[in-house]
Amino acid sequence: MSRIQTVKTDRAPAAIGPYSQAVVVDDWIYVSGQIPLDPETGEQERGSIAEQTHRVFRNLQAVLEEAGGGLETVVRTTVFLSDMQNFQEMNSVYAEYFGEHRPARSTVEAAGLPKAVDVEIDAIARVAG
């Protein structure tokens, strides 16, 4: 039977509902959607899509690291944008963080994201057990 471990770190925003920042099952890390909230202040990053995406990636990295992974272990992401007009700006930042690593990805426009943010990214990663 698989062991399920929840992940919690103060280096990323606390869950704002009845869910975990991430769950680890066997060698897999399932990271909940990260939004551009500063974990120290709880305030939303209100800058450009690029600035918001940088904040999302810092949060994503913190959760992955707490779970024993990193961006290099990500196999799949889903990017949610409030407006697909922001795709190119988000995608430039996304490429900075992943470099030559190319996880599978879906990008969708969402009518309403938590706290009315403009970008949210979730991830699935695999780490050695």
C-alpha atoms as a PDB file:
ATOM      1  CA  MET A   1       0.000   0.000   0.000  1.00  0.00           C
ATOM      2  CA  SER A   2       1.280   3.467  -0.887  1.00  0.00           C
ATOM      3  CA  ARG A   3       2.173   5.886   1.872  1.00  0.00           C
ATOM      4  CA  ILE A   4       0.775   9.395   1.475  1.00  0.00           C
ATOM      5  CA  GLN A   5       2.741  12.272   3.013  1.00  0.00           C
ATOM      6  CA  THR A   6       1.540  15.859   3.071  1.00  0.00           C
ATOM      7  CA  VAL A   7       4.041  18.661   2.530  1.00  0.00           C
ATOM      8  CA  LYS A   8       4.064  21.953   4.405  1.00  0.00           C
ATOM      9  CA  THR A   9       6.643  24.711   4.256  1.00  0.00           C
ATOM     10  CA  ASP A  10       6.686  28.286   5.522  1.00  0.00           C
ATOM     11  CA  ARG A  11       8.733  29.217   2.417  1.00  0.00           C
ATOM     12  CA  ALA A  12       5.544  29.135   0.315  1.00  0.00           C
ATOM     13  CA  PRO A  13       2.060  30.487   1.022  1.00  0.00           C
ATOM     14  CA  ALA A  14      -0.078  28.356   3.299  1.00  0.00           C
ATOM     15  CA  ALA A  15      -2.992  26.550   1.697  1.00  0.00           C
ATOM     16  CA  ILE A  16      -6.026  28.846   1.586  1.00  0.00           C
ATOM     17  CA  GLY A  17      -8.510  25.988   1.759  1.00  0.00           C
ATOM     18  CA  PRO A  18      -8.882  22.338   2.734  1.00  0.00           C
ATOM     19  CA  TYR A  19      -5.882  21.036   0.780  1.00  0.00           C
ATOM     20  CA  SER A  20      -2.108  20.576   1.134  1.00  0.00           C
ATOM     21  CA  GLN A  21       0.695  22.536  -0.516  1.00  0.00           C
ATOM     22  CA  ALA A  22       1.746  19.168  -1.945  1.00  0.00           C
ATOM     23  CA  VAL A  23       1.287  15.464  -1.439  1.00  0.00           C
ATOM     24  CA  VAL A  24       3.987  12.827  -1.899  1.00  0.00           C
ATOM     25  CA  VAL A  25       2.924   9.321  -2.906  1.00  0.00           C
ATOM     26  CA  ASP A  26       5.714   6.808  -3.469  1.00  0.00           C
ATOM     27  CA  ASP A  27       8.181   8.629  -5.770  1.00  0.00           C
ATOM     28  CA  TRP A  28       5.695  11.241  -6.959  1.00  0.00           C
ATOM     29  CA  ILE A  29       5.173  14.819  -5.762  1.00  0.00           C
ATOM     30  CA  TYR A  30       1.851  16.452  -6.600  1.00  0.00           C
ATOM     31  CA  VAL A  31       2.137  20.205  -5.992  1.00  0.00           C
ATOM     32  CA  SER A  32      -1.042  22.217  -5.596  1.00  0.00           C
ATOM     33  CA  GLY A  33      -1.453  25.322  -7.703  1.00  0.00           C
ATOM     34  CA  GLN A  34       0.882  28.081  -6.595  1.00  0.00           C
ATOM     35  CA  ILE A  35      -0.211  31.692  -6.939  1.00  0.00           C
ATOM     36  CA  PRO A  36       1.788  34.926  -6.606  1.00  0.00           C
ATOM     37  CA  LEU A  37       1.502  35.358  -2.853  1.00  0.00           C
ATOM     38  CA  ASP A  38       4.481  36.337  -0.724  1.00  0.00           C
ATOM     39  CA  PRO A  39       4.700  33.681   2.010  1.00  0.00           C
ATOM     40  CA  GLU A  40       6.135  36.150   4.539  1.00  0.00           C
ATOM     41  CA  THR A  41       3.484  38.841   4.182  1.00  0.00           C
ATOM     42  CA  GLY A  42       0.567  36.963   2.629  1.00  0.00           C
ATOM     43  CA  GLU A  43       0.315  39.834   0.148  1.00  0.00           C
ATOM     44  CA  GLN A  44      -0.300  39.280  -3.533  1.00  0.00           C
ATOM     45  CA  GLU A  45       2.398  40.247  -6.044  1.00  0.00           C
ATOM     46  CA  ARG A  46       0.686  43.008  -8.009  1.00  0.00           C
ATOM     47  CA  GLY A  47       3.376  43.652 -10.627  1.00  0.00           C
ATOM     48  CA  SER A  48       3.594  42.541 -14.231  1.00  0.00           C
ATOM     49  CA  ILE A  49       2.822  38.983 -15.314  1.00  0.00           C
ATOM     50  CA  ALA A  50       6.594  38.415 -15.375  1.00  0.00           C
ATOM     51  CA  GLU A  51       6.933  39.543 -11.738  1.00  0.00           C
ATOM     52  CA  GLN A  52       3.924  37.456 -10.717  1.00  0.00           C
ATOM     53  CA  THR A  53       5.303  34.389 -12.513  1.00  0.00           C
ATOM     54  CA  HIS A  54       8.682  34.797 -10.765  1.00  0.00           C
ATOM     55  CA  ARG A  55       6.845  34.770  -7.406  1.00  0.00           C
ATOM     56  CA  VAL A  56       4.882  31.666  -8.432  1.00  0.00           C
ATOM     57  CA  PHE A  57       8.121  29.873  -9.345  1.00  0.00           C
ATOM     58  CA  ARG A  58       9.794  30.807  -6.059  1.00  0.00           C
ATOM     59  CA  ASN A  59       6.776  29.332  -4.253  1.00  0.00           C
ATOM     60  CA  LEU A  60       6.782  26.241  -6.460  1.00  0.00           C
ATOM     61  CA  GLN A  61      10.506  25.692  -5.845  1.00  0.00           C
ATOM     62  CA  ALA A  62      10.045  25.989  -2.083  1.00  0.00           C
ATOM     63  CA  VAL A  63       7.318  23.339  -2.018  1.00  0.00           C
ATOM     64  CA  LEU A  64       9.248  21.007  -4.327  1.00  0.00           C
ATOM     65  CA  GLU A  65      12.412  21.347  -2.214  1.00  0.00           C
ATOM     66  CA  GLU A  66      10.482  20.640   0.991  1.00  0.00           C
ATOM     67  CA  ALA A  67       9.177  17.463  -0.665  1.00  0.00           C
ATOM     68  CA  GLY A  68      12.658  16.364  -1.753  1.00  0.00           C
ATOM     69  CA  GLY A  69      12.470  17.476  -5.374  1.00  0.00           C
ATOM     70  CA  GLY A  70      13.247  20.497  -7.491  1.00  0.00           C
ATOM     71  CA  LEU A  71      12.337  22.022 -10.819  1.00  0.00           C
ATOM     72  CA  GLU A  72      14.627  19.511 -12.545  1.00  0.00           C
ATOM     73  CA  THR A  73      12.377  16.683 -11.273  1.00  0.00           C
ATOM     74  CA  VAL A  74       9.132  18.153 -12.673  1.00  0.00           C
ATOM     75  CA  VAL A  75       7.491  15.996 -15.337  1.00  0.00           C
ATOM     76  CA  ARG A  76       4.235  17.943 -15.838  1.00  0.00           C
ATOM     77  CA  THR A  77       2.817  21.390 -15.178  1.00  0.00           C
ATOM     78  CA  THR A  78      -0.469  23.136 -15.714  1.00  0.00           C
ATOM     79  CA  VAL A  79      -0.439  26.902 -16.139  1.00  0.00           C
ATOM     80  CA  PHE A  80      -3.633  28.842 -15.548  1.00  0.00           C
ATOM     81  CA  LEU A  81      -3.789  32.403 -16.878  1.00  0.00           C
ATOM     82  CA  SER A  82      -6.544  34.945 -16.347  1.00  0.00           C
ATOM     83  CA  ASP A  83      -5.921  36.154 -19.916  1.00  0.00           C
ATOM     84  CA  MET A  84      -4.100  34.316 -22.727  1.00  0.00           C
ATOM     85  CA  GLN A  85      -2.771  37.715 -23.847  1.00  0.00           C
ATOM     86  CA  ASN A  86      -0.260  37.217 -21.001  1.00  0.00           C
ATOM     87  CA  PHE A  87       1.064  33.936 -22.431  1.00  0.00           C
ATOM     88  CA  GLN A  88       4.298  35.242 -24.002  1.00  0.00           C
ATOM     89  CA  GLU A  89       5.359  37.171 -20.905  1.00  0.00           C
ATOM     90  CA  MET A  90       4.617  34.190 -18.627  1.00  0.00           C
ATOM     91  CA  ASN A  91       6.310  31.797 -21.047  1.00  0.00           C
ATOM     92  CA  SER A  92       9.560  33.816 -21.049  1.00  0.00           C
ATOM     93  CA  VAL A  93       9.813  33.521 -17.261  1.00  0.00           C
ATOM     94  CA  TYR A  94       8.784  29.849 -17.388  1.00  0.00           C
ATOM     95  CA  ALA A  95      11.666  29.165 -19.801  1.00  0.00           C
ATOM     96  CA  GLU A  96      14.136  30.903 -17.439  1.00  0.00           C
ATOM     97  CA  TYR A  97      13.287  28.519 -14.612  1.00  0.00           C
ATOM     98  CA  PHE A  98      13.234  25.300 -16.617  1.00  0.00           C
ATOM     99  CA  GLY A  99      16.095  26.039 -19.009  1.00  0.00           C
ATOM    100  CA  GLU A 100      16.662  23.012 -21.236  1.00  0.00           C
ATOM    101  CA  HIS A 101      14.409  20.828 -19.056  1.00  0.00           C
ATOM    102  CA  ARG A 102      11.064  20.532 -20.818  1.00  0.00           C
ATOM    103  CA  PRO A 103       8.253  19.060 -18.698  1.00  0.00           C
ATOM    104  CA  ALA A 104       4.929  18.296 -20.363  1.00  0.00           C
ATOM    105  CA  ARG A 105       2.582  21.269 -19.969  1.00  0.00           C
ATOM    106  CA  SER A 106      -0.928  22.505 -20.518  1.00  0.00           C
ATOM    107  CA  THR A 107      -1.776  26.197 -20.451  1.00  0.00           C
ATOM    108  CA  VAL A 108      -5.370  27.322 -20.110  1.00  0.00           C
ATOM    109  CA  GLU A 109      -7.233  30.561 -19.634  1.00  0.00           C
ATOM    110  CA  ALA A 110      -9.325  30.461 -16.473  1.00  0.00           C
ATOM    111  CA  ALA A 111     -12.251  32.767 -15.868  1.00  0.00           C
ATOM    112  CA  GLY A 112     -11.548  33.062 -12.159  1.00  0.00           C
ATOM    113  CA  LEU A 113      -8.412  32.119 -10.244  1.00  0.00           C
ATOM    114  CA  PRO A 114      -8.032  32.130  -6.432  1.00  0.00           C
ATOM    115  CA  LYS A 115      -7.812  35.638  -4.969  1.00  0.00           C
ATOM    116  CA  ALA A 116      -8.340  36.988  -8.517  1.00  0.00           C
ATOM    117  CA  VAL A 117      -4.655  36.435  -9.408  1.00  0.00           C
ATOM    118  CA  ASP A 118      -3.469  36.424 -13.017  1.00  0.00           C
ATOM    119  CA  VAL A 119      -1.330  33.256 -12.969  1.00  0.00           C
ATOM    120  CA  GLU A 120      -1.330  29.914 -11.156  1.00  0.00           C
ATOM    121  CA  ILE A 121       0.924  26.910 -11.790  1.00  0.00           C
ATOM    122  CA  ASP A 122       0.711  23.364 -10.436  1.00  0.00           C
ATOM    123  CA  ALA A 123       3.205  20.555 -10.972  1.00  0.00           C
ATOM    124  CA  ILE A 124       3.868  16.855 -10.800  1.00  0.00           C
ATOM    125  CA  ALA A 125       7.435  15.752 -10.090  1.00  0.00           C
ATOM    126  CA  ARG A 126       9.191  12.442  -9.626  1.00  0.00           C
ATOM    127  CA  VAL A 127      11.996  11.815  -7.181  1.00  0.00           C
ATOM    128  CA  ALA A 128      14.008   8.735  -6.357  1.00  0.00           C
ATOM    129  CA  GLY A 129      12.461   6.857  -3.454  1.00  0.00           C
END
